[in-house]
């Protein structure tokens, strides 16, 4: 497996974890559970700063995962172009 493929897989896994976090947030779950804890620990370093940069909204929907996915996509394209 080449470095290009490894980097691509890492970004793809991160994207899937963000999607999983969004889906999990719509269903009752145990926040102390192992799976949710893992997903939270891996995605929060990306989602937390994005959430803090976004203005507070009165809407019940959190747009930070969408913004984070967009930023992740842009960074992935730049990194893969540099390889």
PDB file of N, CA and C in Angstrom:
ATOM      1  N   UNK A   1       0.849  -1.169   0.000  1.00  0.00           N
ATOM      2  CA  UNK A   1       0.000   0.000   0.000  1.00  0.00           C
ATOM      3  C   UNK A   1       0.900   1.240   0.000  1.00  0.00           C
ATOM      4  N   UNK A   2       0.637   2.144  -0.900  1.00  0.00           N
ATOM      5  CA  UNK A   2       1.465   3.345  -1.021  1.00  0.00           C
ATOM      6  C   UNK A   2       1.065   4.393   0.019  1.00  0.00           C
ATOM      7  N   UNK A   3       1.921   5.372   0.207  1.00  0.00           N
ATOM      8  CA  UNK A   3       1.643   6.457   1.143  1.00  0.00           C
ATOM      9  C   UNK A   3       0.375   7.200   0.731  1.00  0.00           C
ATOM     10  N   UNK A   4       0.186   7.392  -0.558  1.00  0.00           N
ATOM     11  CA  UNK A   4      -1.009   8.057  -1.084  1.00  0.00           C
ATOM     12  C   UNK A   4      -2.264   7.312  -0.627  1.00  0.00           C
ATOM     13  N   UNK A   5      -2.254   5.999  -0.762  1.00  0.00           N
ATOM     14  CA  UNK A   5      -3.415   5.195  -0.384  1.00  0.00           C
ATOM     15  C   UNK A   5      -3.651   5.214   1.122  1.00  0.00           C
ATOM     16  N   UNK A   6      -2.582   5.171   1.891  1.00  0.00           N
ATOM     17  CA  UNK A   6      -2.714   5.203   3.349  1.00  0.00           C
ATOM     18  C   UNK A   6      -3.338   6.517   3.800  1.00  0.00           C
ATOM     19  N   UNK A   7      -2.849   7.625   3.265  1.00  0.00           N
ATOM     20  CA  UNK A   7      -3.393   8.943   3.617  1.00  0.00           C
ATOM     21  C   UNK A   7      -4.856   9.026   3.205  1.00  0.00           C
ATOM     22  N   UNK A   8      -5.175   8.533   2.034  1.00  0.00           N
ATOM     23  CA  UNK A   8      -6.552   8.543   1.552  1.00  0.00           C
ATOM     24  C   UNK A   8      -7.466   7.730   2.468  1.00  0.00           C
ATOM     25  N   UNK A   9      -7.002   6.579   2.905  1.00  0.00           N
ATOM     26  CA  UNK A   9      -7.797   5.733   3.806  1.00  0.00           C
ATOM     27  C   UNK A   9      -8.008   6.423   5.150  1.00  0.00           C
ATOM     28  N   UNK A  10      -6.988   7.075   5.677  1.00  0.00           N
ATOM     29  CA  UNK A  10      -7.111   7.777   6.959  1.00  0.00           C
ATOM     30  C   UNK A  10      -8.176   8.871   6.861  1.00  0.00           C
ATOM     31  N   UNK A  11      -8.149   9.652   5.795  1.00  0.00           N
ATOM     32  CA  UNK A  11      -9.157  10.699   5.620  1.00  0.00           C
ATOM     33  C   UNK A  11     -10.550  10.092   5.456  1.00  0.00           C
ATOM     34  N   UNK A  12     -10.662   9.014   4.725  1.00  0.00           N
ATOM     35  CA  UNK A  12     -11.956   8.361   4.516  1.00  0.00           C
ATOM     36  C   UNK A  12     -12.514   7.823   5.829  1.00  0.00           C
ATOM     37  N   UNK A  13     -11.677   7.208   6.630  1.00  0.00           N
ATOM     38  CA  UNK A  13     -12.120   6.701   7.931  1.00  0.00           C
ATOM     39  C   UNK A  13     -12.616   7.850   8.797  1.00  0.00           C
ATOM     40  N   UNK A  14     -11.904   8.968   8.784  1.00  0.00           N
ATOM     41  CA  UNK A  14     -12.327  10.128   9.570  1.00  0.00           C
ATOM     42  C   UNK A  14     -13.686  10.635   9.094  1.00  0.00           C
ATOM     43  N   UNK A  15     -13.895  10.664   7.791  1.00  0.00           N
ATOM     44  CA  UNK A  15     -15.188  11.095   7.251  1.00  0.00           C
ATOM     45  C   UNK A  15     -16.302  10.163   7.714  1.00  0.00           C
ATOM     46  N   UNK A  16     -16.060   8.859   7.670  1.00  0.00           N
ATOM     47  CA  UNK A  16     -17.064   7.891   8.129  1.00  0.00           C
ATOM     48  C   UNK A  16     -17.350   8.047   9.620  1.00  0.00           C
ATOM     49  N   UNK A  17     -16.331   8.319  10.401  1.00  0.00           N
ATOM     50  CA  UNK A  17     -16.539   8.509  11.835  1.00  0.00           C
ATOM     51  C   UNK A  17     -17.376   9.757  12.117  1.00  0.00           C
ATOM     52  N   UNK A  18     -17.173  10.814  11.347  1.00  0.00           N
ATOM     53  CA  UNK A  18     -17.999  12.019  11.517  1.00  0.00           C
ATOM     54  C   UNK A  18     -19.445  11.707  11.146  1.00  0.00           C
ATOM     55  N   UNK A  19     -19.649  10.999  10.040  1.00  0.00           N
ATOM     56  CA  UNK A  19     -21.010  10.595   9.668  1.00  0.00           C
ATOM     57  C   UNK A  19     -21.635   9.726  10.755  1.00  0.00           C
ATOM     58  N   UNK A  20     -20.871   8.800  11.308  1.00  0.00           N
ATOM     59  CA  UNK A  20     -21.384   7.930  12.369  1.00  0.00           C
ATOM     60  C   UNK A  20     -21.776   8.759  13.588  1.00  0.00           C
ATOM     61  N   UNK A  21     -20.971   9.756  13.917  1.00  0.00           N
ATOM     62  CA  UNK A  21     -21.290  10.601  15.074  1.00  0.00           C
ATOM     63  C   UNK A  21     -22.592  11.362  14.851  1.00  0.00           C
ATOM     64  N   UNK A  22     -22.785  11.859  13.644  1.00  0.00           N
ATOM     65  CA  UNK A  22     -24.029  12.565  13.330  1.00  0.00           C
ATOM     66  C   UNK A  22     -25.214  11.614  13.463  1.00  0.00           C
ATOM     67  N   UNK A  23     -25.106  10.423  12.897  1.00  0.00           N
ATOM     68  CA  UNK A  23     -26.202   9.452  12.974  1.00  0.00           C
ATOM     69  C   UNK A  23     -26.484   9.036  14.409  1.00  0.00           C
ATOM     70  N   UNK A  24     -25.439   8.781  15.178  1.00  0.00           N
ATOM     71  CA  UNK A  24     -25.620   8.375  16.571  1.00  0.00           C
ATOM     72  C   UNK A  24     -26.320   9.470  17.370  1.00  0.00           C
ATOM     73  N   UNK A  25     -26.069  10.720  17.036  1.00  0.00           N
ATOM     74  CA  UNK A  25     -26.653  11.822  17.804  1.00  0.00           C
ATOM     75  C   UNK A  25     -28.175  11.879  17.680  1.00  0.00           C
ATOM     76  N   UNK A  26     -28.748  11.238  16.670  1.00  0.00           N
ATOM     77  CA  UNK A  26     -30.195  11.255  16.478  1.00  0.00           C
ATOM     78  C   UNK A  26     -30.913  10.132  17.215  1.00  0.00           C
ATOM     79  N   UNK A  27     -30.172   9.217  17.820  1.00  0.00           N
ATOM     80  CA  UNK A  27     -30.771   8.077  18.498  1.00  0.00           C
ATOM     81  C   UNK A  27     -30.346   8.054  19.956  1.00  0.00           C
ATOM     82  N   UNK A  28     -31.191   7.486  20.816  1.00  0.00           N
ATOM     83  CA  UNK A  28     -30.780   7.354  22.216  1.00  0.00           C
ATOM     84  C   UNK A  28     -29.531   6.471  22.309  1.00  0.00           C
ATOM     85  N   UNK A  29     -28.579   6.913  23.091  1.00  0.00           N
ATOM     86  CA  UNK A  29     -27.337   6.160  23.233  1.00  0.00           C
ATOM     87  C   UNK A  29     -26.728   6.423  24.600  1.00  0.00           C
ATOM     88  N   UNK A  30     -25.839   5.565  24.974  1.00  0.00           N
ATOM     89  CA  UNK A  30     -25.105   5.714  26.220  1.00  0.00           C
ATOM     90  C   UNK A  30     -23.824   6.490  25.919  1.00  0.00           C
ATOM     91  N   UNK A  31     -23.724   7.743  26.361  1.00  0.00           N
ATOM     92  CA  UNK A  31     -22.525   8.533  26.052  1.00  0.00           C
ATOM     93  C   UNK A  31     -21.254   7.952  26.662  1.00  0.00           C
ATOM     94  N   UNK A  32     -21.398   7.049  27.620  1.00  0.00           N
ATOM     95  CA  UNK A  32     -20.226   6.418  28.228  1.00  0.00           C
ATOM     96  C   UNK A  32     -19.891   5.090  27.565  1.00  0.00           C
ATOM     97  N   UNK A  33     -20.641   4.723  26.530  1.00  0.00           N
ATOM     98  CA  UNK A  33     -20.393   3.465  25.836  1.00  0.00           C
ATOM     99  C   UNK A  33     -19.076   3.494  25.084  1.00  0.00           C
ATOM    100  N   UNK A  34     -18.521   2.325  24.870  1.00  0.00           N
ATOM    101  CA  UNK A  34     -17.199   2.219  24.244  1.00  0.00           C
ATOM    102  C   UNK A  34     -17.194   2.747  22.814  1.00  0.00           C
ATOM    103  N   UNK A  35     -18.195   2.384  22.034  1.00  0.00           N
ATOM    104  CA  UNK A  35     -18.211   2.802  20.629  1.00  0.00           C
ATOM    105  C   UNK A  35     -18.404   4.307  20.525  1.00  0.00           C
ATOM    106  N   UNK A  36     -19.400   4.830  21.240  1.00  0.00           N
ATOM    107  CA  UNK A  36     -19.626   6.272  21.188  1.00  0.00           C
ATOM    108  C   UNK A  36     -18.420   7.022  21.731  1.00  0.00           C
ATOM    109  N   UNK A  37     -17.840   6.519  22.810  1.00  0.00           N
ATOM    110  CA  UNK A  37     -16.661   7.165  23.388  1.00  0.00           C
ATOM    111  C   UNK A  37     -15.511   7.238  22.402  1.00  0.00           C
ATOM    112  N   UNK A  38     -15.290   6.145  21.670  1.00  0.00           N
ATOM    113  CA  UNK A  38     -14.223   6.122  20.665  1.00  0.00           C
ATOM    114  C   UNK A  38     -14.504   7.137  19.559  1.00  0.00           C
ATOM    115  N   UNK A  39     -15.729   7.122  19.030  1.00  0.00           N
ATOM    116  CA  UNK A  39     -16.087   8.046  17.947  1.00  0.00           C
ATOM    117  C   UNK A  39     -15.955   9.489  18.424  1.00  0.00           C
ATOM    118  N   UNK A  40     -16.419   9.765  19.643  1.00  0.00           N
ATOM    119  CA  UNK A  40     -16.329  11.113  20.194  1.00  0.00           C
ATOM    120  C   UNK A  40     -14.868  11.544  20.346  1.00  0.00           C
ATOM    121  N   UNK A  41     -14.042  10.680  20.913  1.00  0.00           N
ATOM    122  CA  UNK A  41     -12.631  11.017  21.140  1.00  0.00           C
ATOM    123  C   UNK A  41     -11.879  11.277  19.839  1.00  0.00           C
ATOM    124  N   UNK A  42     -12.228  10.559  18.787  1.00  0.00           N
ATOM    125  CA  UNK A  42     -11.523  10.713  17.511  1.00  0.00           C
ATOM    126  C   UNK A  42     -12.011  11.943  16.745  1.00  0.00           C
ATOM    127  N   UNK A  43     -13.300  12.236  16.820  1.00  0.00           N
ATOM    128  CA  UNK A  43     -13.855  13.327  16.009  1.00  0.00           C
ATOM    129  C   UNK A  43     -13.873  14.685  16.715  1.00  0.00           C
ATOM    130  N   UNK A  44     -13.884  14.701  18.026  1.00  0.00           N
ATOM    131  CA  UNK A  44     -13.986  15.975  18.749  1.00  0.00           C
ATOM    132  C   UNK A  44     -12.816  16.924  18.487  1.00  0.00           C
ATOM    133  N   UNK A  45     -11.570  16.441  18.317  1.00  0.00           N
ATOM    134  CA  UNK A  45     -10.488  17.387  18.005  1.00  0.00           C
ATOM    135  C   UNK A  45     -10.718  18.157  16.704  1.00  0.00           C
ATOM    136  N   UNK A  46     -11.503  17.622  15.801  1.00  0.00           N
ATOM    137  CA  UNK A  46     -11.832  18.335  14.569  1.00  0.00           C
ATOM    138  C   UNK A  46     -13.125  19.132  14.722  1.00  0.00           C
ATOM    139  N   UNK A  47     -14.145  18.523  15.324  1.00  0.00           N
ATOM    140  CA  UNK A  47     -15.443  19.187  15.429  1.00  0.00           C
ATOM    141  C   UNK A  47     -15.459  20.304  16.471  1.00  0.00           C
ATOM    142  N   UNK A  48     -14.735  20.141  17.559  1.00  0.00           N
ATOM    143  CA  UNK A  48     -14.729  21.153  18.622  1.00  0.00           C
ATOM    144  C   UNK A  48     -14.294  22.529  18.141  1.00  0.00           C
ATOM    145  N   UNK A  49     -13.121  22.652  17.513  1.00  0.00           N
ATOM    146  CA  UNK A  49     -12.696  23.970  17.023  1.00  0.00           C
ATOM    147  C   UNK A  49     -13.636  24.547  15.961  1.00  0.00           C
ATOM    148  N   UNK A  50     -14.170  23.688  15.103  1.00  0.00           N
ATOM    149  CA  UNK A  50     -15.110  24.171  14.078  1.00  0.00           C
ATOM    150  C   UNK A  50     -16.360  24.713  14.759  1.00  0.00           C
ATOM    151  N   UNK A  51     -16.855  24.011  15.767  1.00  0.00           N
ATOM    152  CA  UNK A  51     -18.057  24.440  16.487  1.00  0.00           C
ATOM    153  C   UNK A  51     -17.822  25.774  17.185  1.00  0.00           C
ATOM    154  N   UNK A  52     -16.627  25.960  17.748  1.00  0.00           N
ATOM    155  CA  UNK A  52     -16.321  27.222  18.440  1.00  0.00           C
ATOM    156  C   UNK A  52     -16.198  28.394  17.470  1.00  0.00           C
ATOM    157  N   UNK A  53     -15.769  28.134  16.232  1.00  0.00           N
ATOM    158  CA  UNK A  53     -15.620  29.211  15.248  1.00  0.00           C
ATOM    159  C   UNK A  53     -16.953  29.629  14.648  1.00  0.00           C
ATOM    160  N   UNK A  54     -17.935  28.752  14.702  1.00  0.00           N
ATOM    161  CA  UNK A  54     -19.222  29.060  14.087  1.00  0.00           C
ATOM    162  C   UNK A  54     -20.067  29.895  15.044  1.00  0.00           C
ATOM    163  N   UNK A  55     -20.851  30.821  14.500  1.00  0.00           N
ATOM    164  CA  UNK A  55     -21.712  31.628  15.368  1.00  0.00           C
ATOM    165  C   UNK A  55     -22.800  30.764  16.003  1.00  0.00           C
ATOM    166  N   UNK A  56     -23.203  31.144  17.192  1.00  0.00           N
ATOM    167  CA  UNK A  56     -24.273  30.417  17.880  1.00  0.00           C
ATOM    168  C   UNK A  56     -25.564  30.550  17.083  1.00  0.00           C
ATOM    169  N   UNK A  57     -26.287  29.468  16.998  1.00  0.00           N
ATOM    170  CA  UNK A  57     -27.515  29.455  16.216  1.00  0.00           C
ATOM    171  C   UNK A  57     -28.668  29.003  17.094  1.00  0.00           C
ATOM    172  N   UNK A  58     -29.842  29.540  16.813  1.00  0.00           N
ATOM    173  CA  UNK A  58     -31.028  29.115  17.558  1.00  0.00           C
ATOM    174  C   UNK A  58     -31.650  27.867  16.939  1.00  0.00           C
ATOM    175  N   UNK A  59     -31.082  27.415  15.830  1.00  0.00           N
ATOM    176  CA  UNK A  59     -31.602  26.219  15.173  1.00  0.00           C
ATOM    177  C   UNK A  59     -31.144  24.975  15.935  1.00  0.00           C
ATOM    178  N   UNK A  60     -31.964  23.935  15.932  1.00  0.00           N
ATOM    179  CA  UNK A  60     -31.592  22.717  16.663  1.00  0.00           C
ATOM    180  C   UNK A  60     -30.585  21.845  15.914  1.00  0.00           C
ATOM    181  N   UNK A  61     -30.117  22.287  14.764  1.00  0.00           N
ATOM    182  CA  UNK A  61     -29.212  21.492  13.940  1.00  0.00           C
ATOM    183  C   UNK A  61     -27.794  22.023  14.067  1.00  0.00           C
ATOM    184  N   UNK A  62     -26.844  21.136  14.281  1.00  0.00           N
ATOM    185  CA  UNK A  62     -25.433  21.499  14.405  1.00  0.00           C
ATOM    186  C   UNK A  62     -24.776  21.375  13.028  1.00  0.00           C
ATOM    187  N   UNK A  63     -24.355  22.491  12.467  1.00  0.00           N
ATOM    188  CA  UNK A  63     -23.745  22.497  11.137  1.00  0.00           C
ATOM    189  C   UNK A  63     -22.244  22.206  11.165  1.00  0.00           C
ATOM    190  N   UNK A  64     -21.660  22.090  12.343  1.00  0.00           N
ATOM    191  CA  UNK A  64     -20.213  21.892  12.413  1.00  0.00           C
ATOM    192  C   UNK A  64     -19.738  20.606  11.723  1.00  0.00           C
ATOM    193  N   UNK A  65     -20.477  19.490  11.753  1.00  0.00           N
ATOM    194  CA  UNK A  65     -19.996  18.322  10.996  1.00  0.00           C
ATOM    195  C   UNK A  65     -19.922  18.576   9.492  1.00  0.00           C
ATOM    196  N   UNK A  66     -20.872  19.330   8.959  1.00  0.00           N
ATOM    197  CA  UNK A  66     -20.840  19.632   7.521  1.00  0.00           C
ATOM    198  C   UNK A  66     -19.630  20.495   7.190  1.00  0.00           C
ATOM    199  N   UNK A  67     -19.365  21.502   8.012  1.00  0.00           N
ATOM    200  CA  UNK A  67     -18.211  22.375   7.793  1.00  0.00           C
ATOM    201  C   UNK A  67     -16.920  21.577   7.967  1.00  0.00           C
ATOM    202  N   UNK A  68     -16.877  20.723   8.984  1.00  0.00           N
ATOM    203  CA  UNK A  68     -15.681  19.904   9.217  1.00  0.00           C
ATOM    204  C   UNK A  68     -15.431  18.957   8.049  1.00  0.00           C
ATOM    205  N   UNK A  69     -16.487  18.362   7.504  1.00  0.00           N
ATOM    206  CA  UNK A  69     -16.324  17.473   6.353  1.00  0.00           C
ATOM    207  C   UNK A  69     -15.805  18.239   5.142  1.00  0.00           C
ATOM    208  N   UNK A  70     -16.293  19.449   4.947  1.00  0.00           N
ATOM    209  CA  UNK A  70     -15.814  20.270   3.839  1.00  0.00           C
ATOM    210  C   UNK A  70     -14.333  20.608   4.025  1.00  0.00           C
ATOM    211  N   UNK A  71     -13.958  21.023   5.226  1.00  0.00           N
ATOM    212  CA  UNK A  71     -12.552  21.329   5.506  1.00  0.00           C
ATOM    213  C   UNK A  71     -11.677  20.086   5.361  1.00  0.00           C
ATOM    214  N   UNK A  72     -12.172  18.962   5.837  1.00  0.00           N
ATOM    215  CA  UNK A  72     -11.430  17.707   5.723  1.00  0.00           C
ATOM    216  C   UNK A  72     -11.210  17.343   4.262  1.00  0.00           C
ATOM    217  N   UNK A  73     -12.227  17.549   3.449  1.00  0.00           N
ATOM    218  CA  UNK A  73     -12.115  17.261   2.019  1.00  0.00           C
ATOM    219  C   UNK A  73     -11.053  18.152   1.367  1.00  0.00           C
ATOM    220  N   UNK A  74     -11.074  19.436   1.687  1.00  0.00           N
ATOM    221  CA  UNK A  74     -10.106  20.373   1.104  1.00  0.00           C
ATOM    222  C   UNK A  74      -8.686  19.999   1.535  1.00  0.00           C
ATOM    223  N   UNK A  75      -8.503  19.721   2.812  1.00  0.00           N
ATOM    224  CA  UNK A  75      -7.176  19.339   3.305  1.00  0.00           C
ATOM    225  C   UNK A  75      -6.728  18.035   2.652  1.00  0.00           C
ATOM    226  N   UNK A  76      -7.639  17.087   2.509  1.00  0.00           N
ATOM    227  CA  UNK A  76      -7.296  15.818   1.854  1.00  0.00           C
ATOM    228  C   UNK A  76      -6.817  16.050   0.426  1.00  0.00           C
ATOM    229  N   UNK A  77      -7.535  16.870  -0.327  1.00  0.00           N
ATOM    230  CA  UNK A  77      -7.140  17.146  -1.714  1.00  0.00           C
ATOM    231  C   UNK A  77      -5.755  17.784  -1.764  1.00  0.00           C
ATOM    232  N   UNK A  78      -5.502  18.750  -0.880  1.00  0.00           N
ATOM    233  CA  UNK A  78      -4.203  19.433  -0.868  1.00  0.00           C
ATOM    234  C   UNK A  78      -3.089  18.449  -0.517  1.00  0.00           C
ATOM    235  N   UNK A  79      -3.294  17.665   0.527  1.00  0.00           N
ATOM    236  CA  UNK A  79      -2.265  16.706   0.954  1.00  0.00           C
ATOM    237  C   UNK A  79      -2.003  15.681  -0.140  1.00  0.00           C
ATOM    238  N   UNK A  80      -3.049  15.161  -0.752  1.00  0.00           N
ATOM    239  CA  UNK A  80      -2.859  14.149  -1.792  1.00  0.00           C
ATOM    240  C   UNK A  80      -2.194  14.735  -3.037  1.00  0.00           C
ATOM    241  N   UNK A  81      -2.442  16.001  -3.318  1.00  0.00           N
ATOM    242  CA  UNK A  81      -1.768  16.644  -4.450  1.00  0.00           C
ATOM    243  C   UNK A  81      -0.278  16.826  -4.171  1.00  0.00           C
ATOM    244  N   UNK A  82       0.066  17.025  -2.911  1.00  0.00           N
ATOM    245  CA  UNK A  82       1.468  17.211  -2.539  1.00  0.00           C
ATOM    246  C   UNK A  82       2.251  15.900  -2.531  1.00  0.00           C
ATOM    247  N   UNK A  83       1.548  14.789  -2.452  1.00  0.00           N
ATOM    248  CA  UNK A  83       2.245  13.481  -2.429  1.00  0.00           C
ATOM    249  C   UNK A  83       2.638  13.030  -3.811  1.00  0.00           C
TER     250      UNK A  83
END
